[in-house]
Amino acid sequence: MLGQASVPLVGVVDTAVIGRTGDAAALAGVALGATVITLVFWSFGFLRMGMTGLTAQAEGTGERAEVEALLLRALGIGLALGALIWLLSAPIAQGALAVMSGSETVTGDANAYMGGRFYGAPAALAVFAVNGWLLGLGRTRAALVLQLAMNVANVALDLWFVWGLDLGAYGVGLGTALAEWFALATALGVVPHVAGANIVTIARRVPRALLLDRGRLARLFAVNRDIMIRTVALLILFAWFANAGARQGAAALAANHVLMQFVNVAAFILDAFAFTAEERVGAALGARDRARLLRAIRLTAEFALLSGVTFSALFLLAGSPVIELLTTDEEVRTIARTFLPFAALVPLIGMPSWMLDGIFIGATRGRALRNAAFIATLLYIALDLALRPFGNWGVWTALLASYLLRAGLLAVYLPRLLRDVEPPSPQGTQA
């Protein structure tokens, strides 16, 4: 939970640093640019999510060599894809902004922010891989070190570039990109403490036949393909949400972005329980232990529900002062305070979908994740279009409904997952 609590600080710091300048257009630009960056980078979030389930299952079956091979495969894929994103950054940014509804000023700031962020693409995707590997092994303290290193660097660089050097939206993006490279260096420093050897030694001792095994590579890409489709569908959902705010002007876009910092904090912290479920569910499936699987689901869900209720209450009680801290623009503050109750409901309503995501990621059931996310996104878009006459009220109502849709669609697949795990034998139970 501590590690996850530090993750959304990247967005919170970016928002506060630019929001305190009093420039609503710049804040809206960062919001729009961050939406595009999230869409592009997290399209490859399977490097984190797929790695966790596969690593946990390999660890559960005692395949140590495969655990190390998974790290090498994911690191190589992450660095290669990140380099490709950086090379194609200009057309990606232009194409994305062409379909957004931001004004010329907002679009200019968004482009500047993305210009800085794209430098960090290879590091960001490589860090996804290492983080997923660590979580799959249950090494949450090591993952915490990795996240804290990135966030401390991000805070320092953002303050220097924006308040010190007056680089505006570009400085926010560049600061975060450099922090991602610092996080990658930290990640490579953490690996020896977990694996007992540095990445070069691991590369030398993992057999090439295992690293390039067709069957294992096919499974890696099959799981990752479905998770990628699932992730892209959800990213389109949130990009649609951001664009819905942009249609209503810079102030509404900026206010919704401020409120999304509340959502992100709750989502990332509650995802700690989902990550725990990923590791425990993956290990239980690797060991074919039904009782262990059910216990993992029950305990993580109970803690997540209690935390969701707590966050909803906390946001309602303390949300207004936080809004004033994040932005100095009065119009943005007023809109954000009006729609704060919607953001406060997200931890409670969104919790079941986040927990089910963790369960199915740990089980590497990519098809269920893909189908649920794809259908939920289509239904969300239809609902948002139907609610357009209600302005921002309709925008937030559709978003809340999307969480219920995701949870309901995933729940349909849960009985089959439980049936597929055989109860442990009497001998295994005694052990």
Protein backbone atom coordinates (compact mmCIF):
# COMPACT_ATOMS: atom_id res chain seq x y z
CA MET A 1 0.00 0.00 0.00
CA LEU A 2 2.88 2.38 0.73
CA GLY A 3 4.40 1.66 -2.65
CA GLN A 4 1.08 2.16 -4.41
CA ALA A 5 0.37 5.35 -2.46
CA SER A 6 3.52 6.85 -3.96
CA VAL A 7 2.57 6.02 -7.59
CA PRO A 8 -0.21 8.64 -8.10
CA LEU A 9 2.04 11.27 -6.52
CA VAL A 10 3.55 11.67 -9.99
CA GLY A 11 0.22 12.98 -11.26
CA VAL A 12 -0.58 14.87 -8.07
CA VAL A 13 2.78 16.66 -8.13
CA ASP A 14 2.48 17.44 -11.85
CA THR A 15 -0.99 18.88 -11.19
CA ALA A 16 -0.01 20.89 -8.11
CA VAL A 17 3.19 22.33 -9.57
CA ILE A 18 1.46 23.65 -12.68
CA GLY A 19 -1.87 24.29 -10.89
CA ARG A 20 -0.25 26.63 -8.37
CA THR A 21 0.88 28.91 -11.21
CA GLY A 22 -2.78 29.97 -11.60
CA ASP A 23 -2.79 29.20 -15.34
CA ALA A 24 -5.95 27.16 -16.00
CA ALA A 25 -5.03 26.64 -19.67
CA ALA A 26 -1.61 25.21 -18.72
CA LEU A 27 -3.24 22.89 -16.18
CA ALA A 28 -5.78 21.81 -18.81
CA GLY A 29 -2.91 21.24 -21.26
CA VAL A 30 -1.09 19.01 -18.80
CA ALA A 31 -4.38 17.14 -18.23
CA LEU A 32 -4.83 16.56 -21.95
CA GLY A 33 -1.19 15.65 -22.52
CA ALA A 34 -1.18 13.29 -19.54
CA THR A 35 -4.24 11.56 -20.96
CA VAL A 36 -2.45 10.91 -24.24
CA ILE A 37 0.75 9.75 -22.50
CA THR A 38 -1.22 7.41 -20.27
CA LEU A 39 -3.03 6.02 -23.31
CA VAL A 40 0.25 5.40 -25.16
CA PHE A 41 2.44 4.15 -22.29
CA TRP A 42 -0.19 2.04 -20.54
CA SER A 43 -1.19 0.40 -23.81
CA PHE A 44 1.87 -1.69 -22.97
CA GLY A 45 0.87 -2.11 -19.34
CA PHE A 46 0.83 -5.87 -19.96
CA LEU A 47 4.55 -5.65 -19.19
CA ARG A 48 3.48 -5.04 -15.58
CA MET A 49 0.24 -7.01 -15.39
CA GLY A 50 1.14 -10.03 -17.50
CA MET A 51 4.51 -10.32 -15.77
CA THR A 52 2.96 -10.48 -12.31
CA GLY A 53 0.72 -13.46 -13.05
CA LEU A 54 3.30 -15.38 -15.09
CA THR A 55 6.07 -14.78 -12.55
CA ALA A 56 3.85 -15.81 -9.63
CA GLN A 57 2.86 -19.00 -11.41
CA ALA A 58 6.48 -19.84 -12.31
CA GLU A 59 7.49 -19.22 -8.70
CA GLY A 60 4.58 -21.35 -7.49
CA THR A 61 5.76 -24.31 -9.58
CA GLY A 62 9.38 -23.84 -8.51
CA GLU A 63 10.72 -22.90 -11.98
CA ARG A 64 13.47 -20.52 -10.89
CA ALA A 65 15.15 -20.39 -14.27
CA GLU A 66 11.85 -19.41 -15.90
CA VAL A 67 11.40 -16.64 -13.30
CA GLU A 68 14.71 -15.09 -14.41
CA ALA A 69 13.95 -15.69 -18.10
CA LEU A 70 10.66 -13.80 -17.71
CA LEU A 71 12.53 -10.76 -16.40
CA LEU A 72 14.93 -10.76 -19.36
CA ARG A 73 12.15 -11.17 -21.92
CA ALA A 74 10.03 -8.38 -20.46
CA LEU A 75 12.96 -5.97 -20.07
CA GLY A 76 14.00 -6.49 -23.69
CA ILE A 77 10.44 -6.00 -24.95
CA GLY A 78 9.95 -2.91 -22.79
CA LEU A 79 13.12 -1.15 -23.91
CA ALA A 80 12.46 -1.96 -27.58
CA LEU A 81 8.84 -0.80 -27.52
CA GLY A 82 9.77 2.34 -25.56
CA ALA A 83 12.42 3.26 -28.12
CA LEU A 84 9.86 2.81 -30.90
CA ILE A 85 7.39 5.08 -29.09
CA TRP A 86 10.06 7.77 -28.72
CA LEU A 87 10.94 7.57 -32.43
CA LEU A 88 7.26 7.94 -33.37
CA SER A 89 6.44 10.52 -30.70
CA ALA A 90 5.78 13.43 -33.07
CA PRO A 91 3.12 11.72 -35.22
CA ILE A 92 1.61 10.06 -32.13
CA ALA A 93 1.18 13.45 -30.41
CA GLN A 94 -0.18 15.17 -33.49
CA GLY A 95 -2.64 12.37 -34.24
CA ALA A 96 -3.90 12.19 -30.65
CA LEU A 97 -4.40 15.93 -30.26
CA ALA A 98 -6.17 16.12 -33.61
CA VAL A 99 -9.07 14.10 -32.21
CA MET A 100 -9.19 15.89 -28.85
CA SER A 101 -11.47 18.84 -28.18
CA GLY A 102 -8.97 21.21 -26.58
CA SER A 103 -8.54 24.86 -27.58
CA GLU A 104 -5.41 26.05 -29.41
CA THR A 105 -3.78 27.26 -26.18
CA VAL A 106 -4.59 24.05 -24.31
CA THR A 107 -3.35 21.93 -27.20
CA GLY A 108 -0.09 23.88 -27.31
CA ASP A 109 0.59 23.20 -23.62
CA ALA A 110 -0.39 19.56 -24.07
CA ASN A 111 2.08 19.22 -26.93
CA ALA A 112 4.83 20.81 -24.82
CA TYR A 113 4.15 18.44 -21.91
CA MET A 114 4.23 15.40 -24.18
CA GLY A 115 7.45 16.62 -25.80
CA GLY A 116 9.13 16.24 -22.43
CA ARG A 117 7.42 13.01 -21.36
CA PHE A 118 8.24 10.98 -24.48
CA TYR A 119 11.96 11.05 -23.60
CA GLY A 120 11.15 8.69 -20.75
CA ALA A 121 9.26 6.08 -22.82
CA PRO A 122 11.95 3.32 -22.87
CA ALA A 123 12.59 3.69 -19.14
CA ALA A 124 8.87 3.78 -18.27
CA LEU A 125 8.12 0.52 -20.08
CA ALA A 126 11.22 -1.20 -18.70
CA VAL A 127 10.18 -0.16 -15.18
CA PHE A 128 6.74 -1.71 -15.83
CA ALA A 129 8.53 -5.01 -16.47
CA VAL A 130 10.68 -4.94 -13.34
CA ASN A 131 7.78 -3.81 -11.17
CA GLY A 132 5.55 -6.64 -12.43
CA TRP A 133 8.34 -9.15 -11.82
CA LEU A 134 8.87 -7.94 -8.25
CA LEU A 135 5.14 -8.05 -7.49
CA GLY A 136 4.89 -11.55 -8.94
CA LEU A 137 7.56 -12.66 -6.47
CA GLY A 138 5.77 -10.93 -3.61
CA ARG A 139 8.73 -8.57 -3.11
CA THR A 140 6.62 -5.54 -2.29
CA ARG A 141 9.33 -3.79 -0.28
CA ALA A 142 11.61 -3.79 -3.31
CA ALA A 143 8.73 -2.44 -5.41
CA LEU A 144 8.25 0.28 -2.77
CA VAL A 145 11.90 1.34 -3.08
CA LEU A 146 11.48 1.57 -6.84
CA GLN A 147 8.34 3.73 -6.64
CA LEU A 148 9.73 6.03 -3.97
CA ALA A 149 12.92 6.61 -5.96
CA MET A 150 10.90 7.71 -8.97
CA ASN A 151 8.54 9.94 -7.03
CA VAL A 152 11.20 11.72 -4.99
CA ALA A 153 13.12 12.44 -8.21
CA ASN A 154 9.92 13.60 -9.91
CA VAL A 155 9.03 16.04 -7.14
CA ALA A 156 12.51 17.56 -7.11
CA LEU A 157 12.78 17.86 -10.90
CA ASP A 158 9.26 19.27 -11.35
CA LEU A 159 9.87 21.99 -8.78
CA TRP A 160 13.22 22.87 -10.33
CA PHE A 161 12.06 22.92 -13.95
CA VAL A 162 8.72 24.72 -13.41
CA TRP A 163 9.24 27.04 -10.43
CA GLY A 164 13.01 27.41 -10.81
CA LEU A 165 13.59 27.45 -14.59
CA ASP A 166 10.03 28.49 -15.60
CA LEU A 167 9.75 25.74 -18.23
CA GLY A 168 5.98 25.41 -17.77
CA ALA A 169 4.20 22.33 -19.12
CA TYR A 170 7.35 21.15 -20.90
CA GLY A 171 9.24 21.22 -17.60
CA VAL A 172 6.58 19.05 -15.94
CA GLY A 173 6.89 16.46 -18.71
CA LEU A 174 10.68 16.53 -18.82
CA GLY A 175 10.98 16.23 -15.04
CA THR A 176 8.79 13.12 -15.02
CA ALA A 177 10.73 11.59 -17.94
CA LEU A 178 14.08 12.02 -16.18
CA ALA A 179 12.55 10.56 -13.00
CA GLU A 180 11.56 7.47 -15.02
CA TRP A 181 15.18 6.98 -16.10
CA PHE A 182 16.27 7.35 -12.49
CA ALA A 183 13.68 4.72 -11.54
CA LEU A 184 15.08 2.31 -14.14
CA ALA A 185 18.59 2.73 -12.74
CA THR A 186 17.18 2.04 -9.28
CA ALA A 187 15.33 -1.02 -10.57
CA LEU A 188 18.50 -2.53 -12.01
CA GLY A 189 20.14 -1.88 -8.65
CA VAL A 190 17.31 -3.67 -6.83
CA VAL A 191 17.41 -6.82 -8.99
CA PRO A 192 20.63 -8.25 -7.41
CA HIS A 193 19.06 -8.04 -3.94
CA VAL A 194 16.13 -10.15 -5.16
CA ALA A 195 17.77 -12.55 -7.63
CA GLY A 196 21.21 -12.78 -6.02
CA ALA A 197 22.85 -11.59 -9.23
CA ASN A 198 22.83 -8.50 -11.44
CA ILE A 199 21.06 -8.38 -14.78
CA VAL A 200 24.25 -9.16 -16.74
CA THR A 201 24.93 -12.31 -14.70
CA ILE A 202 21.30 -13.39 -15.05
CA ALA A 203 21.54 -12.93 -18.83
CA ARG A 204 24.63 -15.13 -18.91
CA ARG A 205 23.25 -17.97 -16.79
CA VAL A 206 19.75 -18.28 -18.27
CA PRO A 207 19.92 -20.92 -21.04
CA ARG A 208 19.25 -19.45 -24.48
CA ALA A 209 17.00 -22.41 -25.28
CA LEU A 210 14.78 -21.49 -22.33
CA LEU A 211 14.85 -17.75 -23.01
CA LEU A 212 13.74 -18.26 -26.62
CA ASP A 213 11.51 -21.30 -26.04
CA ARG A 214 8.66 -21.06 -28.55
CA GLY A 215 6.00 -22.43 -26.27
CA ARG A 216 6.83 -20.04 -23.43
CA LEU A 217 7.11 -17.09 -25.80
CA ALA A 218 3.77 -18.02 -27.38
CA ARG A 219 2.12 -18.09 -23.95
CA LEU A 220 3.74 -14.76 -23.01
CA PHE A 221 2.42 -13.07 -26.15
CA ALA A 222 -1.00 -14.75 -25.90
CA VAL A 223 -1.53 -13.52 -22.34
CA ASN A 224 -0.07 -10.11 -23.13
CA ARG A 225 -2.14 -9.72 -26.31
CA ASP A 226 -5.41 -10.08 -24.43
CA ILE A 227 -4.24 -7.87 -21.55
CA MET A 228 -3.08 -5.26 -24.05
CA ILE A 229 -6.51 -5.20 -25.73
CA ARG A 230 -8.11 -4.94 -22.28
CA THR A 231 -5.80 -2.11 -21.25
CA VAL A 232 -6.26 -0.17 -24.48
CA ALA A 233 -10.05 -0.46 -24.11
CA LEU A 234 -9.90 1.01 -20.59
CA LEU A 235 -7.48 3.72 -21.67
CA ILE A 236 -9.86 4.71 -24.45
CA LEU A 237 -12.56 4.92 -21.79
CA PHE A 238 -10.55 7.37 -19.68
CA ALA A 239 -9.37 9.31 -22.74
CA TRP A 240 -13.04 9.66 -23.72
CA PHE A 241 -13.75 10.94 -20.21
CA ALA A 242 -10.98 13.55 -20.47
CA ASN A 243 -12.18 14.64 -23.90
CA ALA A 244 -15.72 14.95 -22.56
CA GLY A 245 -14.38 17.52 -20.10
CA ALA A 246 -12.42 19.27 -22.85
CA ARG A 247 -15.65 19.76 -24.83
CA GLN A 248 -16.91 21.94 -21.97
CA GLY A 249 -13.91 24.25 -21.87
CA ALA A 250 -10.51 24.59 -20.18
CA ALA A 251 -11.94 25.16 -16.68
CA ALA A 252 -14.06 21.98 -16.73
CA LEU A 253 -11.17 19.96 -18.18
CA ALA A 254 -8.83 21.29 -15.49
CA ALA A 255 -11.38 20.65 -12.71
CA ASN A 256 -12.00 17.07 -13.85
CA HIS A 257 -8.24 16.52 -13.95
CA VAL A 258 -7.93 17.78 -10.37
CA LEU A 259 -10.70 15.39 -9.28
CA MET A 260 -9.04 12.52 -11.13
CA GLN A 261 -6.09 12.91 -8.76
CA PHE A 262 -8.46 11.78 -5.96
CA VAL A 263 -9.56 8.86 -8.11
CA ASN A 264 -5.98 7.92 -8.94
CA VAL A 265 -4.86 8.00 -5.31
CA ALA A 266 -7.70 5.68 -4.29
CA ALA A 267 -7.29 3.41 -7.31
CA PHE A 268 -3.55 2.95 -6.87
CA ILE A 269 -3.69 2.37 -3.12
CA LEU A 270 -6.61 -0.07 -3.38
CA ASP A 271 -4.73 -1.74 -6.23
CA ALA A 272 -2.27 -2.85 -3.54
CA PHE A 273 -4.90 -5.42 -2.53
CA ALA A 274 -5.43 -6.33 -6.18
CA PHE A 275 -1.66 -6.79 -6.61
CA THR A 276 -1.60 -9.00 -3.53
CA ALA A 277 -4.46 -10.98 -5.07
CA GLU A 278 -2.49 -11.29 -8.32
CA GLU A 279 0.52 -12.80 -6.55
CA ARG A 280 -1.52 -15.05 -4.21
CA VAL A 281 -3.95 -16.19 -6.91
CA GLY A 282 -1.10 -16.90 -9.33
CA ALA A 283 0.80 -18.90 -6.72
CA ALA A 284 -2.36 -20.82 -5.73
CA LEU A 285 -3.06 -21.72 -9.34
CA GLY A 286 0.55 -22.78 -9.85
CA ALA A 287 0.18 -25.10 -6.84
CA ARG A 288 -3.38 -26.17 -7.89
CA ASP A 289 -4.63 -25.31 -4.38
CA ARG A 290 -8.32 -24.32 -4.37
CA ALA A 291 -8.47 -23.53 -0.64
CA ARG A 292 -5.49 -21.21 -0.95
CA LEU A 293 -7.14 -19.49 -3.94
CA LEU A 294 -10.43 -18.88 -2.11
CA ARG A 295 -8.63 -17.55 0.96
CA ALA A 296 -6.61 -15.12 -1.17
CA ILE A 297 -9.77 -13.80 -2.84
CA ARG A 298 -11.73 -13.46 0.41
CA LEU A 299 -9.08 -11.73 2.50
CA THR A 300 -7.96 -9.22 -0.14
CA ALA A 301 -11.58 -8.36 -1.02
CA GLU A 302 -12.52 -7.76 2.63
CA PHE A 303 -9.60 -5.40 3.21
CA ALA A 304 -10.28 -3.62 -0.09
CA LEU A 305 -13.94 -3.04 0.79
CA LEU A 306 -13.06 -1.55 4.18
CA SER A 307 -10.46 0.70 2.56
CA GLY A 308 -12.88 1.78 -0.16
CA VAL A 309 -15.42 2.95 2.44
CA THR A 310 -12.67 4.80 4.31
CA PHE A 311 -11.43 6.62 1.21
CA SER A 312 -14.92 7.67 0.16
CA ALA A 313 -15.55 9.21 3.58
CA LEU A 314 -12.12 10.85 3.65
CA PHE A 315 -12.58 12.48 0.24
CA LEU A 316 -15.97 13.88 1.20
CA LEU A 317 -14.62 15.34 4.45
CA ALA A 318 -11.23 16.65 3.31
CA GLY A 319 -11.63 17.06 -0.45
CA SER A 320 -12.28 20.80 -0.55
CA PRO A 321 -8.99 21.88 1.14
CA VAL A 322 -7.05 19.53 -1.16
CA ILE A 323 -8.69 21.10 -4.21
CA GLU A 324 -7.57 24.54 -3.01
CA LEU A 325 -4.06 23.18 -2.57
CA LEU A 326 -3.89 21.77 -6.11
CA THR A 327 -5.12 24.85 -7.99
CA THR A 328 -5.42 28.59 -7.38
CA ASP A 329 -7.93 29.26 -10.20
CA GLU A 330 -11.32 30.06 -8.60
CA GLU A 331 -13.43 28.82 -11.50
CA VAL A 332 -11.60 25.50 -11.52
CA ARG A 333 -12.00 25.24 -7.73
CA THR A 334 -15.75 25.87 -7.93
CA ILE A 335 -16.35 23.21 -10.59
CA ALA A 336 -14.14 20.70 -8.76
CA ARG A 337 -15.98 21.21 -5.46
CA THR A 338 -19.34 20.75 -7.22
CA PHE A 339 -18.39 17.34 -8.60
CA LEU A 340 -16.31 16.16 -5.63
CA PRO A 341 -19.07 13.75 -4.44
CA PHE A 342 -18.75 11.84 -7.72
CA ALA A 343 -15.00 11.40 -7.24
CA ALA A 344 -15.62 10.39 -3.61
CA LEU A 345 -17.91 7.56 -4.72
CA VAL A 346 -15.31 6.02 -7.03
CA PRO A 347 -13.31 4.16 -4.31
CA LEU A 348 -16.46 2.36 -3.18
CA ILE A 349 -18.02 1.72 -6.58
CA GLY A 350 -14.71 0.97 -8.33
CA MET A 351 -13.32 -1.44 -5.72
CA PRO A 352 -15.05 -4.62 -7.05
CA SER A 353 -13.76 -4.03 -10.59
CA TRP A 354 -10.19 -3.43 -9.35
CA MET A 355 -10.25 -6.57 -7.20
CA LEU A 356 -11.62 -8.73 -10.01
CA ASP A 357 -8.93 -7.32 -12.31
CA GLY A 358 -6.31 -8.51 -9.82
CA ILE A 359 -7.85 -11.97 -9.54
CA PHE A 360 -8.03 -12.52 -13.30
CA ILE A 361 -4.58 -11.02 -13.96
CA GLY A 362 -3.07 -13.38 -11.37
CA ALA A 363 -4.90 -16.25 -13.04
CA THR A 364 -3.64 -15.01 -16.46
CA ARG A 365 -7.22 -15.19 -17.79
CA GLY A 366 -6.60 -12.60 -20.46
CA ARG A 367 -9.67 -13.46 -22.51
CA ALA A 368 -12.05 -12.65 -19.65
CA LEU A 369 -10.24 -9.36 -18.97
CA ARG A 370 -10.29 -8.46 -22.66
CA ASN A 371 -13.96 -9.22 -23.21
CA ALA A 372 -15.16 -7.46 -20.05
CA ALA A 373 -13.13 -4.30 -20.73
CA PHE A 374 -14.10 -4.12 -24.40
CA ILE A 375 -17.84 -4.50 -23.76
CA ALA A 376 -17.77 -2.14 -20.75
CA THR A 377 -16.04 0.55 -22.80
CA LEU A 378 -18.59 0.30 -25.62
CA LEU A 379 -21.47 0.54 -23.13
CA TYR A 380 -19.80 3.46 -21.35
CA ILE A 381 -19.39 5.43 -24.59
CA ALA A 382 -23.04 4.82 -25.48
CA LEU A 383 -24.10 5.99 -22.02
CA ASP A 384 -21.90 9.10 -22.18
CA LEU A 385 -23.40 10.04 -25.55
CA ALA A 386 -26.91 9.58 -24.14
CA LEU A 387 -26.11 11.79 -21.13
CA ARG A 388 -24.46 14.65 -23.03
CA PRO A 389 -27.43 17.00 -22.51
CA PHE A 390 -26.63 16.92 -18.78
CA GLY A 391 -23.13 18.36 -19.20
CA ASN A 392 -20.52 17.45 -16.61
CA TRP A 393 -23.19 15.72 -14.49
CA GLY A 394 -23.65 13.23 -17.31
CA VAL A 395 -19.89 12.86 -17.79
CA TRP A 396 -19.36 11.77 -14.17
CA THR A 397 -22.49 9.60 -14.04
CA ALA A 398 -21.28 7.64 -17.06
CA LEU A 399 -17.84 7.19 -15.48
CA LEU A 400 -19.33 5.78 -12.25
CA ALA A 401 -21.50 3.42 -14.28
CA SER A 402 -18.43 2.15 -16.15
CA TYR A 403 -16.98 0.68 -12.94
CA LEU A 404 -20.20 -1.22 -12.27
CA LEU A 405 -20.22 -2.51 -15.85
CA ARG A 406 -16.63 -3.79 -15.59
CA ALA A 407 -17.28 -5.55 -12.28
CA GLY A 408 -20.50 -7.16 -13.49
CA LEU A 409 -18.97 -8.44 -16.72
CA LEU A 410 -15.92 -9.90 -14.94
CA ALA A 411 -18.09 -11.52 -12.27
CA VAL A 412 -19.70 -13.63 -14.99
CA TYR A 413 -16.35 -15.41 -15.53
CA LEU A 414 -15.57 -16.00 -11.82
CA PRO A 415 -17.51 -19.28 -11.34
CA ARG A 416 -15.63 -20.86 -14.25
CA LEU A 417 -12.28 -19.81 -12.79
CA LEU A 418 -13.17 -21.46 -9.47
CA ARG A 419 -14.36 -24.64 -11.21
CA ASP A 420 -11.07 -24.93 -13.09
CA VAL A 421 -9.06 -25.28 -9.87
CA GLU A 422 -9.20 -28.77 -8.43
CA PRO A 423 -9.49 -29.13 -4.65
CA PRO A 424 -6.21 -30.25 -3.07
CA SER A 425 -5.79 -33.94 -2.35
CA PRO A 426 -6.05 -35.13 1.28
CA GLN A 427 -2.29 -35.71 1.25
CA GLY A 428 -1.68 -32.17 -0.03
CA THR A 429 -4.00 -30.75 2.62
CA GLN A 430 -2.08 -32.47 5.42
CA ALA A 431 1.18 -31.08 4.07
